[in-house]
C-alpha atoms as a PDB file:
ATOM      1  CA  MET A   1     -34.149 -24.097  63.861  1.00  0.00           C
ATOM      2  CA  LYS A   2     -33.337 -22.263  61.096  1.00  0.00           C
ATOM      3  CA  ILE A   3     -36.347 -22.162  58.797  1.00  0.00           C
ATOM      4  CA  GLU A   4     -35.162 -22.693  54.574  1.00  0.00           C
ATOM      5  CA  GLY A   5     -36.555 -23.079  51.534  1.00  0.00           C
ATOM      6  CA  VAL A   6     -39.702 -21.284  52.691  1.00  0.00           C
ATOM      7  CA  PRO A   7     -40.561 -18.212  51.164  1.00  0.00           C
ATOM      8  CA  TYR A   8     -43.704 -16.071  52.445  1.00  0.00           C
ATOM      9  CA  LYS A   9     -46.470 -17.446  51.645  1.00  0.00           C
ATOM     10  CA  THR A  10     -50.143 -17.075  53.387  1.00  0.00           C
ATOM     11  CA  VAL A  11     -51.661 -20.250  54.414  1.00  0.00           C
ATOM     12  CA  ASN A  12     -55.696 -20.907  54.468  1.00  0.00           C
ATOM     13  CA  TRP A  13     -56.073 -23.585  56.597  1.00  0.00           C
ATOM     14  CA  ASN A  14     -59.633 -24.127  55.682  1.00  0.00           C
ATOM     15  CA  GLU A  15     -58.718 -24.836  51.930  1.00  0.00           C
ATOM     16  CA  ILE A  16     -56.334 -27.868  53.043  1.00  0.00           C
ATOM     17  CA  PRO A  17     -57.987 -31.342  53.072  1.00  0.00           C
ATOM     18  CA  ALA A  18     -58.431 -32.982  56.455  1.00  0.00           C
ATOM     19  CA  GLU A  19     -56.416 -36.383  56.233  1.00  0.00           C
ATOM     20  CA  GLU A  20     -57.755 -38.755  59.205  1.00  0.00           C
ATOM     21  CA  HIS A  21     -55.132 -40.033  61.570  1.00  0.00           C
ATOM     22  CA  LYS A  22     -56.580 -43.339  63.755  1.00  0.00           C
ATOM     23  CA  GLY A  23     -54.935 -43.426  67.094  1.00  0.00           C
ATOM     24  CA  GLU A  24     -54.556 -46.083  69.778  1.00  0.00           C
ATOM     25  CA  THR A  25     -58.133 -44.649  70.389  1.00  0.00           C
ATOM     26  CA  GLY A  26     -59.905 -42.331  68.515  1.00  0.00           C
ATOM     27  CA  ALA A  27     -59.026 -40.326  65.846  1.00  0.00           C
ATOM     28  CA  ALA A  28     -57.352 -37.254  64.518  1.00  0.00           C
ATOM     29  CA  LEU A  29     -57.428 -34.797  61.653  1.00  0.00           C
ATOM     30  CA  TRP A  30     -54.850 -33.183  59.990  1.00  0.00           C
ATOM     31  CA  ARG A  31     -54.420 -30.201  57.730  1.00  0.00           C
ATOM     32  CA  THR A  32     -50.828 -29.811  56.805  1.00  0.00           C
ATOM     33  CA  PHE A  33     -48.479 -27.307  54.748  1.00  0.00           C
ATOM     34  CA  SER A  34     -45.053 -28.533  53.955  1.00  0.00           C
ATOM     35  CA  GLN A  35     -42.533 -26.708  52.654  1.00  0.00           C
ATOM     36  CA  GLY A  36     -38.722 -26.613  52.727  1.00  0.00           C
ATOM     37  CA  ASN A  37     -37.878 -28.029  56.300  1.00  0.00           C
ATOM     38  CA  VAL A  38     -40.891 -27.187  57.789  1.00  0.00           C
ATOM     39  CA  ARG A  39     -44.400 -28.928  58.320  1.00  0.00           C
ATOM     40  CA  ALA A  40     -46.913 -27.060  60.124  1.00  0.00           C
ATOM     41  CA  ARG A  41     -50.523 -28.445  61.105  1.00  0.00           C
ATOM     42  CA  VAL A  42     -53.853 -27.580  62.150  1.00  0.00           C
ATOM     43  CA  VAL A  43     -55.099 -30.949  64.084  1.00  0.00           C
ATOM     44  CA  GLU A  44     -58.006 -31.408  65.734  1.00  0.00           C
ATOM     45  CA  TYR A  45     -58.370 -34.367  68.201  1.00  0.00           C
ATOM     46  CA  GLY A  46     -61.475 -36.148  68.769  1.00  0.00           C
ATOM     47  CA  PRO A  47     -62.854 -36.962  71.888  1.00  0.00           C
ATOM     48  CA  GLY A  48     -60.658 -39.969  73.731  1.00  0.00           C
ATOM     49  CA  TYR A  49     -58.060 -39.488  71.357  1.00  0.00           C
ATOM     50  CA  LEU A  50     -54.564 -41.166  72.399  1.00  0.00           C
ATOM     51  CA  ALA A  51     -51.669 -41.048  70.032  1.00  0.00           C
ATOM     52  CA  ASP A  52     -51.060 -44.526  68.928  1.00  0.00           C
ATOM     53  CA  HIS A  53     -46.945 -44.019  69.167  1.00  0.00           C
ATOM     54  CA  TRP A  54     -44.501 -42.310  71.502  1.00  0.00           C
ATOM     55  CA  CYS A  55     -43.184 -39.676  69.482  1.00  0.00           C
ATOM     56  CA  PRO A  56     -39.540 -38.781  69.652  1.00  0.00           C
ATOM     57  CA  ARG A  57     -39.762 -35.771  66.926  1.00  0.00           C
ATOM     58  CA  GLY A  58     -39.395 -31.985  68.101  1.00  0.00           C
ATOM     59  CA  HIS A  59     -42.115 -29.401  68.190  1.00  0.00           C
ATOM     60  CA  VAL A  60     -43.994 -26.332  68.865  1.00  0.00           C
ATOM     61  CA  LEU A  61     -47.273 -27.337  69.840  1.00  0.00           C
ATOM     62  CA  PHE A  62     -49.939 -24.656  71.025  1.00  0.00           C
ATOM     63  CA  VAL A  63     -53.319 -25.609  72.406  1.00  0.00           C
ATOM     64  CA  MET A  64     -55.947 -23.406  70.308  1.00  0.00           C
ATOM     65  CA  GLU A  65     -59.230 -25.472  71.894  1.00  0.00           C
ATOM     66  CA  GLY A  66     -59.916 -27.959  74.382  1.00  0.00           C
ATOM     67  CA  SER A  67     -57.225 -29.621  76.205  1.00  0.00           C
ATOM     68  CA  ILE A  68     -55.007 -32.505  75.797  1.00  0.00           C
ATOM     69  CA  VAL A  69     -52.935 -34.618  78.599  1.00  0.00           C
ATOM     70  CA  SER A  70     -49.155 -34.621  77.249  1.00  0.00           C
ATOM     71  CA  GLU A  71     -47.370 -37.541  78.504  1.00  0.00           C
ATOM     72  CA  LEU A  72     -43.566 -38.536  78.588  1.00  0.00           C
ATOM     73  CA  GLU A  73     -42.743 -42.263  78.213  1.00  0.00           C
ATOM     74  CA  ASP A  74     -41.161 -42.109  81.576  1.00  0.00           C
ATOM     75  CA  GLY A  75     -44.881 -41.970  82.943  1.00  0.00           C
ATOM     76  CA  SER A  76     -45.224 -37.729  83.923  1.00  0.00           C
ATOM     77  CA  LYS A  77     -48.165 -36.355  82.356  1.00  0.00           C
ATOM     78  CA  GLU A  78     -49.132 -32.397  82.146  1.00  0.00           C
ATOM     79  CA  GLU A  79     -52.720 -31.294  81.074  1.00  0.00           C
ATOM     80  CA  LEU A  80     -52.416 -28.787  78.658  1.00  0.00           C
ATOM     81  CA  THR A  81     -55.687 -26.305  78.177  1.00  0.00           C
ATOM     82  CA  ALA A  82     -56.445 -23.666  75.683  1.00  0.00           C
ATOM     83  CA  GLY A  83     -53.611 -20.918  75.484  1.00  0.00           C
ATOM     84  CA  MET A  84     -50.986 -23.261  76.600  1.00  0.00           C
ATOM     85  CA  GLY A  85     -48.561 -25.312  74.957  1.00  0.00           C
ATOM     86  CA  TYR A  86     -44.946 -26.845  74.682  1.00  0.00           C
ATOM     87  CA  VAL A  87     -41.604 -26.787  72.883  1.00  0.00           C
ATOM     88  CA  ALA A  88     -39.620 -30.039  72.708  1.00  0.00           C
ATOM     89  CA  GLU A  89     -36.469 -31.102  70.974  1.00  0.00           C
ATOM     90  CA  ASP A  90     -35.862 -34.003  68.980  1.00  0.00           C
ATOM     91  CA  ASP A  91     -35.061 -36.544  71.051  1.00  0.00           C
ATOM     92  CA  GLU A  92     -35.449 -40.668  71.582  1.00  0.00           C
ATOM     93  CA  HIS A  93     -34.711 -40.315  75.529  1.00  0.00           C
ATOM     94  CA  ASN A  94     -37.884 -38.118  76.220  1.00  0.00           C
ATOM     95  CA  ARG A  95     -40.184 -39.493  73.784  1.00  0.00           C
ATOM     96  CA  HIS A  96     -43.996 -37.997  74.335  1.00  0.00           C
ATOM     97  CA  ARG A  97     -47.383 -38.471  73.147  1.00  0.00           C
ATOM     98  CA  SER A  98     -51.053 -36.913  73.530  1.00  0.00           C
ATOM     99  CA  PHE A  99     -54.169 -37.866  74.897  1.00  0.00           C
ATOM    100  CA  SER A 100     -57.399 -35.678  74.471  1.00  0.00           C
ATOM    101  CA  PRO A 101     -60.355 -37.070  76.873  1.00  0.00           C
ATOM    102  CA  ASN A 102     -62.798 -34.556  75.182  1.00  0.00           C
ATOM    103  CA  GLY A 103     -61.094 -33.111  71.957  1.00  0.00           C
ATOM    104  CA  ALA A 104     -59.055 -30.310  71.152  1.00  0.00           C
ATOM    105  CA  LYS A 105     -57.483 -28.263  68.247  1.00  0.00           C
ATOM    106  CA  LEU A 106     -54.035 -27.596  67.951  1.00  0.00           C
ATOM    107  CA  PHE A 107     -51.308 -25.603  65.671  1.00  0.00           C
ATOM    108  CA  ILE A 108     -48.073 -28.044  65.654  1.00  0.00           C
ATOM    109  CA  VAL A 109     -44.912 -26.955  63.630  1.00  0.00           C
ATOM    110  CA  ASP A 110     -42.140 -29.483  63.554  1.00  0.00           C
END
């Protein structure tokens, strides 16, 4: 990934309003910074959150607090706890979604 159109800038995530995104179950709060070709987010999953779609978009994801279960559309699953994460490319054939039984706080760049 080549970051373009994003000059040096500090981001105070606490000053970015949270937007609620409903899941298949539960909800997530997103604090999103977008500039140039980068979208970076601090995302909080409430307990029982399950994404409402299979995502083909590439991400760099880091679990800051709590845990998630990352599931691929082929049925494979992996639990990620605080300090873990994943890197995934844009890929229609390996779509993924997240579930958080007890809630989680994530940092995501895509």
